[in-house]
Amino acid sequence: LPKMSFILQNVTPYSLMLRAHAFKDAEAKNSDINMGTFNYPILMTADILGYDVDAVPVGKDQLQHLEMSRDIARNFNSTYKKEIFKEPEAMIVEALATLPGTDGRKMSKSYDNFIGVFDDEKTMKKRVMSIMTDSLWVDDIKNPDTCNVFALINVFGTSDEVETIRQKYLTPNIGFGYGHAKSALLDILQRYLSGYREARENLLKHPEIVEEKLRLGAIEMNKRLDVKMQEVREVVGVN
């Protein structure tokens, strides 16, 4: 990948890198920006284009990286007048594109507003109960479509659960407040994540399963990368 990244740097406009969100965020913070940060989108591009994929699952906050990868692929193909790289499409599940965190911003570890998949019960409850809401009273009509709690219920709950809770939001004088919604969300998350937690516990007891999967995956993906790298070397003329 470093070799692929180096070659791609030579067909990547400086102006494109200046538009990268990571660079602009670092610049806004007056950070001492290094070339690792500046060139990171090109390394990510190599990681995408090197495996000849047709589509990449991304969230909205990662969409720019994929768009830059498409731009770089197009520049390379145009420069060498040969279709070496595909321009992969973005796969975005709209309901999962941006999960709200406990403070209403996008959920992110860097904001410390996340609910951890493998949090223990006490930690998860604390995080769920800290989700920001408006100040409407327990008997008031509430808008589920603007509520951070309901946004998560909508993703992880069953269709019946989502509709039942939606109606409770919209029905006045039934004694349904945000605390009740958070309790419902907590139950939904505990149920939804239970299978993943059990699987994780099993893998922690048997790390050899993970190591073997990684080994086989590396063999397969390195084969694909070697084939693509050979195509790139031939068209660039560095064999």
C-alpha atoms as a PDB file:
ATOM      1  CA  LEU A   1       0.000   0.000   0.000  1.00  0.00           C
ATOM      2  CA  PRO A   2       2.800   2.543   0.668  1.00  0.00           C
ATOM      3  CA  LYS A   3       4.097   1.945  -2.894  1.00  0.00           C
ATOM      4  CA  MET A   4       0.608   2.359  -4.336  1.00  0.00           C
ATOM      5  CA  SER A   5       0.129   5.498  -2.245  1.00  0.00           C
ATOM      6  CA  PHE A   6       3.422   6.965  -3.493  1.00  0.00           C
ATOM      7  CA  ILE A   7       2.412   6.446  -7.132  1.00  0.00           C
ATOM      8  CA  LEU A   8      -1.042   7.941  -6.556  1.00  0.00           C
ATOM      9  CA  GLN A   9       0.516  11.046  -4.994  1.00  0.00           C
ATOM     10  CA  ASN A  10       1.897  11.889  -8.416  1.00  0.00           C
ATOM     11  CA  VAL A  11      -1.555  12.181  -9.977  1.00  0.00           C
ATOM     12  CA  THR A  12      -3.226  13.928  -7.032  1.00  0.00           C
ATOM     13  CA  PRO A  13      -3.674  17.717  -7.248  1.00  0.00           C
ATOM     14  CA  TYR A  14      -2.505  19.747  -4.280  1.00  0.00           C
ATOM     15  CA  SER A  15      -5.819  21.637  -4.424  1.00  0.00           C
ATOM     16  CA  LEU A  16      -7.722  18.388  -3.818  1.00  0.00           C
ATOM     17  CA  MET A  17      -5.799  17.707  -0.616  1.00  0.00           C
ATOM     18  CA  LEU A  18      -6.527  21.213   0.640  1.00  0.00           C
ATOM     19  CA  ARG A  19     -10.241  20.367   0.601  1.00  0.00           C
ATOM     20  CA  ALA A  20      -9.876  17.328   2.878  1.00  0.00           C
ATOM     21  CA  HIS A  21     -11.927  17.614   6.066  1.00  0.00           C
ATOM     22  CA  ALA A  22      -9.140  16.218   8.265  1.00  0.00           C
ATOM     23  CA  PHE A  23      -6.705  18.818   6.957  1.00  0.00           C
ATOM     24  CA  LYS A  24      -9.194  21.682   7.302  1.00  0.00           C
ATOM     25  CA  ASP A  25     -10.078  20.612  10.866  1.00  0.00           C
ATOM     26  CA  ALA A  26      -6.411  20.502  11.823  1.00  0.00           C
ATOM     27  CA  GLU A  27      -5.836  23.872  10.184  1.00  0.00           C
ATOM     28  CA  ALA A  28      -8.795  25.384  12.060  1.00  0.00           C
ATOM     29  CA  LYS A  29      -7.303  24.176  15.331  1.00  0.00           C
ATOM     30  CA  ASN A  30      -3.971  25.809  14.422  1.00  0.00           C
ATOM     31  CA  SER A  31      -2.338  22.408  14.637  1.00  0.00           C
ATOM     32  CA  ASP A  32       1.224  21.788  13.501  1.00  0.00           C
ATOM     33  CA  ILE A  33       0.076  19.820  10.440  1.00  0.00           C
ATOM     34  CA  ASN A  34       2.438  17.073   9.307  1.00  0.00           C
ATOM     35  CA  MET A  35       2.556  15.307   5.951  1.00  0.00           C
ATOM     36  CA  GLY A  36       1.012  12.186   7.449  1.00  0.00           C
ATOM     37  CA  THR A  37      -2.170  14.150   8.104  1.00  0.00           C
ATOM     38  CA  PHE A  38      -2.003  15.960   4.778  1.00  0.00           C
ATOM     39  CA  ASN A  39      -1.445  12.804   2.711  1.00  0.00           C
ATOM     40  CA  TYR A  40      -3.764  10.541   4.683  1.00  0.00           C
ATOM     41  CA  PRO A  41      -6.576  10.683   2.078  1.00  0.00           C
ATOM     42  CA  ILE A  42      -4.145   9.333  -0.529  1.00  0.00           C
ATOM     43  CA  LEU A  43      -3.181   6.403   1.699  1.00  0.00           C
ATOM     44  CA  MET A  44      -6.875   5.683   2.238  1.00  0.00           C
ATOM     45  CA  THR A  45      -7.382   5.896  -1.526  1.00  0.00           C
ATOM     46  CA  ALA A  46      -4.694   3.271  -2.059  1.00  0.00           C
ATOM     47  CA  ASP A  47      -6.462   1.072   0.473  1.00  0.00           C
ATOM     48  CA  ILE A  48      -9.692   1.395  -1.527  1.00  0.00           C
ATOM     49  CA  LEU A  49      -8.467   1.313  -5.133  1.00  0.00           C
ATOM     50  CA  GLY A  50      -5.834  -1.352  -4.571  1.00  0.00           C
ATOM     51  CA  TYR A  51      -8.438  -4.087  -4.114  1.00  0.00           C
ATOM     52  CA  ASP A  52     -10.517  -3.259  -7.215  1.00  0.00           C
ATOM     53  CA  VAL A  53     -13.798  -2.969  -5.324  1.00  0.00           C
ATOM     54  CA  ASP A  54     -17.068  -1.849  -6.896  1.00  0.00           C
ATOM     55  CA  ALA A  55     -18.590  -0.227  -3.800  1.00  0.00           C
ATOM     56  CA  VAL A  56     -17.625   0.826  -0.282  1.00  0.00           C
ATOM     57  CA  PRO A  57     -19.985   1.024   2.730  1.00  0.00           C
ATOM     58  CA  VAL A  58     -19.547   4.464   4.300  1.00  0.00           C
ATOM     59  CA  GLY A  59     -21.237   6.884   6.647  1.00  0.00           C
ATOM     60  CA  LYS A  60     -21.918  10.462   5.628  1.00  0.00           C
ATOM     61  CA  ASP A  61     -18.818  11.691   7.455  1.00  0.00           C
ATOM     62  CA  GLN A  62     -16.653   9.326   5.362  1.00  0.00           C
ATOM     63  CA  LEU A  63     -18.234  10.150   2.024  1.00  0.00           C
ATOM     64  CA  GLN A  64     -15.628  12.769   1.145  1.00  0.00           C
ATOM     65  CA  HIS A  65     -12.833  10.191   1.377  1.00  0.00           C
ATOM     66  CA  LEU A  66     -14.605   8.022  -1.169  1.00  0.00           C
ATOM     67  CA  GLU A  67     -15.271  10.978  -3.460  1.00  0.00           C
ATOM     68  CA  MET A  68     -11.579  11.878  -3.299  1.00  0.00           C
ATOM     69  CA  SER A  69     -10.698   8.271  -4.133  1.00  0.00           C
ATOM     70  CA  ARG A  70     -12.921   8.483  -7.202  1.00  0.00           C
ATOM     71  CA  ASP A  71     -11.245  11.750  -8.230  1.00  0.00           C
ATOM     72  CA  ILE A  72      -7.785  10.248  -7.852  1.00  0.00           C
ATOM     73  CA  ALA A  73      -8.777   7.116  -9.797  1.00  0.00           C
ATOM     74  CA  ARG A  74     -10.114   9.323 -12.583  1.00  0.00           C
ATOM     75  CA  ASN A  75      -6.924  11.408 -12.617  1.00  0.00           C
ATOM     76  CA  PHE A  76      -4.758   8.284 -12.824  1.00  0.00           C
ATOM     77  CA  ASN A  77      -6.800   6.749 -15.649  1.00  0.00           C
ATOM     78  CA  SER A  78      -6.804  10.038 -17.548  1.00  0.00           C
ATOM     79  CA  THR A  79      -3.066  10.586 -17.069  1.00  0.00           C
ATOM     80  CA  TYR A  80      -2.116   7.136 -18.365  1.00  0.00           C
ATOM     81  CA  LYS A  81      -5.045   6.878 -20.830  1.00  0.00           C
ATOM     82  CA  LYS A  82      -6.053   3.453 -19.561  1.00  0.00           C
ATOM     83  CA  GLU A  83      -8.831   2.275 -17.248  1.00  0.00           C
ATOM     84  CA  ILE A  84      -6.691   0.787 -14.484  1.00  0.00           C
ATOM     85  CA  PHE A  85      -8.770   1.796 -11.463  1.00  0.00           C
ATOM     86  CA  LYS A  86     -12.500   1.497 -10.910  1.00  0.00           C
ATOM     87  CA  GLU A  87     -14.364   4.450  -9.455  1.00  0.00           C
ATOM     88  CA  PRO A  88     -16.142   2.741  -6.534  1.00  0.00           C
ATOM     89  CA  GLU A  89     -19.656   3.750  -5.570  1.00  0.00           C
ATOM     90  CA  ALA A  90     -20.711   4.711  -2.039  1.00  0.00           C
ATOM     91  CA  MET A  91     -23.020   2.365  -0.161  1.00  0.00           C
ATOM     92  CA  ILE A  92     -24.937   4.415   2.411  1.00  0.00           C
ATOM     93  CA  VAL A  93     -27.734   3.013   4.555  1.00  0.00           C
ATOM     94  CA  GLU A  94     -29.618   6.234   5.190  1.00  0.00           C
ATOM     95  CA  ALA A  95     -30.870   5.194   8.624  1.00  0.00           C
ATOM     96  CA  LEU A  96     -27.282   4.495   9.696  1.00  0.00           C
ATOM     97  CA  ALA A  97     -25.583   7.327   7.824  1.00  0.00           C
ATOM     98  CA  THR A  98     -25.177   9.444  10.950  1.00  0.00           C
ATOM     99  CA  LEU A  99     -26.072   8.116  14.375  1.00  0.00           C
ATOM    100  CA  PRO A 100     -26.713  10.847  16.954  1.00  0.00           C
ATOM    101  CA  GLY A 101     -24.546  10.765  20.037  1.00  0.00           C
ATOM    102  CA  THR A 102     -25.671  11.440  23.575  1.00  0.00           C
ATOM    103  CA  ASP A 103     -25.172  15.184  23.039  1.00  0.00           C
ATOM    104  CA  GLY A 104     -27.022  15.337  19.711  1.00  0.00           C
ATOM    105  CA  ARG A 105     -23.909  15.638  17.561  1.00  0.00           C
ATOM    106  CA  LYS A 106     -22.842  12.708  15.389  1.00  0.00           C
ATOM    107  CA  MET A 107     -21.800   9.775  17.552  1.00  0.00           C
ATOM    108  CA  SER A 108     -18.020   9.718  17.834  1.00  0.00           C
ATOM    109  CA  LYS A 109     -15.396   8.543  20.300  1.00  0.00           C
ATOM    110  CA  SER A 110     -13.550  11.804  19.749  1.00  0.00           C
ATOM    111  CA  TYR A 111     -16.600  13.641  21.154  1.00  0.00           C
ATOM    112  CA  ASP A 112     -17.002  11.093  23.977  1.00  0.00           C
ATOM    113  CA  ASN A 113     -20.718  11.003  23.160  1.00  0.00           C
ATOM    114  CA  PHE A 114     -20.918   7.365  22.115  1.00  0.00           C
ATOM    115  CA  ILE A 115     -22.743   4.338  23.493  1.00  0.00           C
ATOM    116  CA  GLY A 116     -20.276   1.467  23.411  1.00  0.00           C
ATOM    117  CA  VAL A 117     -21.353  -1.801  21.825  1.00  0.00           C
ATOM    118  CA  PHE A 118     -19.542  -3.709  24.558  1.00  0.00           C
ATOM    119  CA  ASP A 119     -20.188  -1.363  27.472  1.00  0.00           C
ATOM    120  CA  ASP A 120     -21.172  -3.132  30.675  1.00  0.00           C
ATOM    121  CA  GLU A 121     -24.785  -2.719  31.783  1.00  0.00           C
ATOM    122  CA  LYS A 122     -24.035   0.052  34.272  1.00  0.00           C
ATOM    123  CA  THR A 123     -22.000   2.115  31.798  1.00  0.00           C
ATOM    124  CA  MET A 124     -24.535   1.680  29.013  1.00  0.00           C
ATOM    125  CA  LYS A 125     -27.390   2.747  31.285  1.00  0.00           C
ATOM    126  CA  LYS A 126     -25.463   5.836  32.353  1.00  0.00           C
ATOM    127  CA  ARG A 127     -24.801   6.819  28.742  1.00  0.00           C
ATOM    128  CA  VAL A 128     -28.344   6.172  27.550  1.00  0.00           C
ATOM    129  CA  MET A 129     -29.844   8.138  30.434  1.00  0.00           C
ATOM    130  CA  SER A 130     -27.530  11.066  29.627  1.00  0.00           C
ATOM    131  CA  ILE A 131     -28.896  11.499  26.067  1.00  0.00           C
ATOM    132  CA  MET A 132     -29.897  15.130  25.546  1.00  0.00           C
ATOM    133  CA  THR A 133     -33.587  15.904  25.002  1.00  0.00           C
ATOM    134  CA  ASP A 134     -35.776  18.984  25.081  1.00  0.00           C
ATOM    135  CA  SER A 135     -37.649  20.055  28.211  1.00  0.00           C
ATOM    136  CA  LEU A 136     -41.179  18.910  27.355  1.00  0.00           C
ATOM    137  CA  TRP A 137     -43.169  17.434  30.240  1.00  0.00           C
ATOM    138  CA  VAL A 138     -44.166  13.806  30.608  1.00  0.00           C
ATOM    139  CA  ASP A 139     -47.738  14.397  29.332  1.00  0.00           C
ATOM    140  CA  ASP A 140     -46.794  16.686  26.446  1.00  0.00           C
ATOM    141  CA  ILE A 141     -46.864  15.638  22.795  1.00  0.00           C
ATOM    142  CA  LYS A 142     -43.292  15.110  21.597  1.00  0.00           C
ATOM    143  CA  ASN A 143     -41.770  15.023  18.129  1.00  0.00           C
ATOM    144  CA  PRO A 144     -40.102  11.640  17.547  1.00  0.00           C
ATOM    145  CA  ASP A 145     -38.437  12.870  14.351  1.00  0.00           C
ATOM    146  CA  THR A 146     -36.319  15.440  16.212  1.00  0.00           C
ATOM    147  CA  CYS A 147     -35.577  13.329  19.288  1.00  0.00           C
ATOM    148  CA  ASN A 148     -32.096  11.837  19.761  1.00  0.00           C
ATOM    149  CA  VAL A 149     -33.511   8.969  21.812  1.00  0.00           C
ATOM    150  CA  PHE A 150     -36.096   8.005  19.220  1.00  0.00           C
ATOM    151  CA  ALA A 151     -33.493   8.221  16.429  1.00  0.00           C
ATOM    152  CA  LEU A 152     -31.651   5.325  18.082  1.00  0.00           C
ATOM    153  CA  ILE A 153     -34.865   3.429  18.809  1.00  0.00           C
ATOM    154  CA  ASN A 154     -35.681   3.758  15.110  1.00  0.00           C
ATOM    155  CA  VAL A 155     -32.392   2.080  14.151  1.00  0.00           C
ATOM    156  CA  PHE A 156     -32.268  -0.748  16.673  1.00  0.00           C
ATOM    157  CA  GLY A 157     -35.905  -1.472  17.511  1.00  0.00           C
ATOM    158  CA  THR A 158     -38.255  -3.799  15.653  1.00  0.00           C
ATOM    159  CA  SER A 159     -40.819  -2.186  13.362  1.00  0.00           C
ATOM    160  CA  ASP A 160     -43.583  -2.896  15.911  1.00  0.00           C
ATOM    161  CA  GLU A 161     -41.564  -1.376  18.748  1.00  0.00           C
ATOM    162  CA  VAL A 162     -40.737   1.712  16.707  1.00  0.00           C
ATOM    163  CA  GLU A 163     -44.369   2.306  15.750  1.00  0.00           C
ATOM    164  CA  THR A 164     -45.663   1.707  19.303  1.00  0.00           C
ATOM    165  CA  ILE A 165     -43.165   4.135  20.807  1.00  0.00           C
ATOM    166  CA  ARG A 166     -43.784   6.673  18.039  1.00  0.00           C
ATOM    167  CA  GLN A 167     -47.488   6.694  18.936  1.00  0.00           C
ATOM    168  CA  LYS A 168     -46.625   7.225  22.594  1.00  0.00           C
ATOM    169  CA  TYR A 169     -44.579  10.289  21.627  1.00  0.00           C
ATOM    170  CA  LEU A 170     -47.562  11.671  19.732  1.00  0.00           C
ATOM    171  CA  THR A 171     -50.231  10.921  22.349  1.00  0.00           C
ATOM    172  CA  PRO A 172     -50.758  13.479  25.158  1.00  0.00           C
ATOM    173  CA  ASN A 173     -51.613  12.756  28.783  1.00  0.00           C
ATOM    174  CA  ILE A 174     -50.482   9.135  28.937  1.00  0.00           C
ATOM    175  CA  GLY A 175     -47.546   9.675  31.266  1.00  0.00           C
ATOM    176  CA  PHE A 176     -44.850   8.874  28.710  1.00  0.00           C
ATOM    177  CA  GLY A 177     -41.734  10.978  29.124  1.00  0.00           C
ATOM    178  CA  TYR A 178     -38.190  10.890  27.886  1.00  0.00           C
ATOM    179  CA  GLY A 179     -37.156   8.760  30.845  1.00  0.00           C
ATOM    180  CA  HIS A 180     -39.572   6.079  29.656  1.00  0.00           C
ATOM    181  CA  ALA A 181     -38.196   6.378  26.107  1.00  0.00           C
ATOM    182  CA  LYS A 182     -34.634   5.998  27.384  1.00  0.00           C
ATOM    183  CA  SER A 183     -35.599   2.910  29.389  1.00  0.00           C
ATOM    184  CA  ALA A 184     -37.180   1.432  26.274  1.00  0.00           C
ATOM    185  CA  LEU A 185     -34.035   2.224  24.278  1.00  0.00           C
ATOM    186  CA  LEU A 186     -31.851   0.576  26.920  1.00  0.00           C
ATOM    187  CA  ASP A 187     -33.926  -2.627  26.767  1.00  0.00           C
ATOM    188  CA  ILE A 188     -33.771  -2.595  22.964  1.00  0.00           C
ATOM    189  CA  LEU A 189     -29.997  -2.121  22.918  1.00  0.00           C
ATOM    190  CA  GLN A 190     -29.394  -4.846  25.491  1.00  0.00           C
ATOM    191  CA  ARG A 191     -31.445  -7.297  23.439  1.00  0.00           C
ATOM    192  CA  TYR A 192     -30.001  -6.214  20.087  1.00  0.00           C
ATOM    193  CA  LEU A 193     -26.390  -6.430  21.262  1.00  0.00           C
ATOM    194  CA  SER A 194     -26.635  -9.634  23.306  1.00  0.00           C
ATOM    195  CA  GLY A 195     -25.677 -11.904  20.388  1.00  0.00           C
ATOM    196  CA  TYR A 196     -22.672  -9.753  19.491  1.00  0.00           C
ATOM    197  CA  ARG A 197     -21.511  -9.777  23.100  1.00  0.00           C
ATOM    198  CA  GLU A 198     -21.779 -13.559  23.308  1.00  0.00           C
ATOM    199  CA  ALA A 199     -19.829 -13.901  20.058  1.00  0.00           C
ATOM    200  CA  ARG A 200     -17.152 -11.536  21.369  1.00  0.00           C
ATOM    201  CA  GLU A 201     -16.813 -13.510  24.595  1.00  0.00           C
ATOM    202  CA  ASN A 202     -16.331 -16.682  22.576  1.00  0.00           C
ATOM    203  CA  LEU A 203     -13.660 -15.054  20.421  1.00  0.00           C
ATOM    204  CA  LEU A 204     -11.847 -13.723  23.486  1.00  0.00           C
ATOM    205  CA  LYS A 205     -11.641 -17.313  24.723  1.00  0.00           C
ATOM    206  CA  HIS A 206     -10.484 -18.557  21.322  1.00  0.00           C
ATOM    207  CA  PRO A 207      -8.200 -15.918  19.754  1.00  0.00           C
ATOM    208  CA  GLU A 208      -6.873 -18.537  17.333  1.00  0.00           C
ATOM    209  CA  ILE A 209     -10.165 -18.280  15.414  1.00  0.00           C
ATOM    210  CA  VAL A 210      -9.559 -14.555  14.820  1.00  0.00           C
ATOM    211  CA  GLU A 211      -5.904 -15.088  13.948  1.00  0.00           C
ATOM    212  CA  GLU A 212      -6.760 -17.748  11.364  1.00  0.00           C
ATOM    213  CA  LYS A 213      -9.439 -15.557   9.767  1.00  0.00           C
ATOM    214  CA  LEU A 214      -6.985 -12.669   9.574  1.00  0.00           C
ATOM    215  CA  ARG A 215      -4.304 -14.903   8.092  1.00  0.00           C
ATOM    216  CA  LEU A 216      -6.587 -16.262   5.367  1.00  0.00           C
ATOM    217  CA  GLY A 217      -8.004 -12.808   4.669  1.00  0.00           C
ATOM    218  CA  ALA A 218      -4.525 -11.326   4.327  1.00  0.00           C
ATOM    219  CA  ILE A 219      -3.517 -14.027   1.846  1.00  0.00           C
ATOM    220  CA  GLU A 220      -6.573 -13.411  -0.334  1.00  0.00           C
ATOM    221  CA  MET A 221      -6.426  -9.619  -0.243  1.00  0.00           C
ATOM    222  CA  ASN A 222      -2.665  -9.482  -0.792  1.00  0.00           C
ATOM    223  CA  LYS A 223      -3.146 -11.570  -3.948  1.00  0.00           C
ATOM    224  CA  ARG A 224      -5.631  -9.003  -5.236  1.00  0.00           C
ATOM    225  CA  LEU A 225      -3.351  -6.128  -4.311  1.00  0.00           C
ATOM    226  CA  ASP A 226      -0.357  -7.763  -6.037  1.00  0.00           C
ATOM    227  CA  VAL A 227      -2.336  -8.152  -9.274  1.00  0.00           C
ATOM    228  CA  LYS A 228      -3.466  -4.533  -9.210  1.00  0.00           C
ATOM    229  CA  MET A 229       0.008  -3.278  -8.289  1.00  0.00           C
ATOM    230  CA  GLN A 230       1.488  -5.153 -11.257  1.00  0.00           C
ATOM    231  CA  GLU A 231      -1.005  -3.420 -13.588  1.00  0.00           C
ATOM    232  CA  VAL A 232      -0.076  -0.055 -12.093  1.00  0.00           C
ATOM    233  CA  ARG A 233       3.664  -0.665 -12.439  1.00  0.00           C
ATOM    234  CA  GLU A 234       3.303  -1.684 -16.063  1.00  0.00           C
ATOM    235  CA  VAL A 235       1.293   1.360 -17.095  1.00  0.00           C
ATOM    236  CA  VAL A 236       3.502   3.750 -15.082  1.00  0.00           C
ATOM    237  CA  GLY A 237       6.677   2.078 -16.354  1.00  0.00           C
ATOM    238  CA  VAL A 238       8.431   1.276 -13.083  1.00  0.00           C
ATOM    239  CA  ASN A 239       8.879  -2.489 -13.509  1.00  0.00           C
END
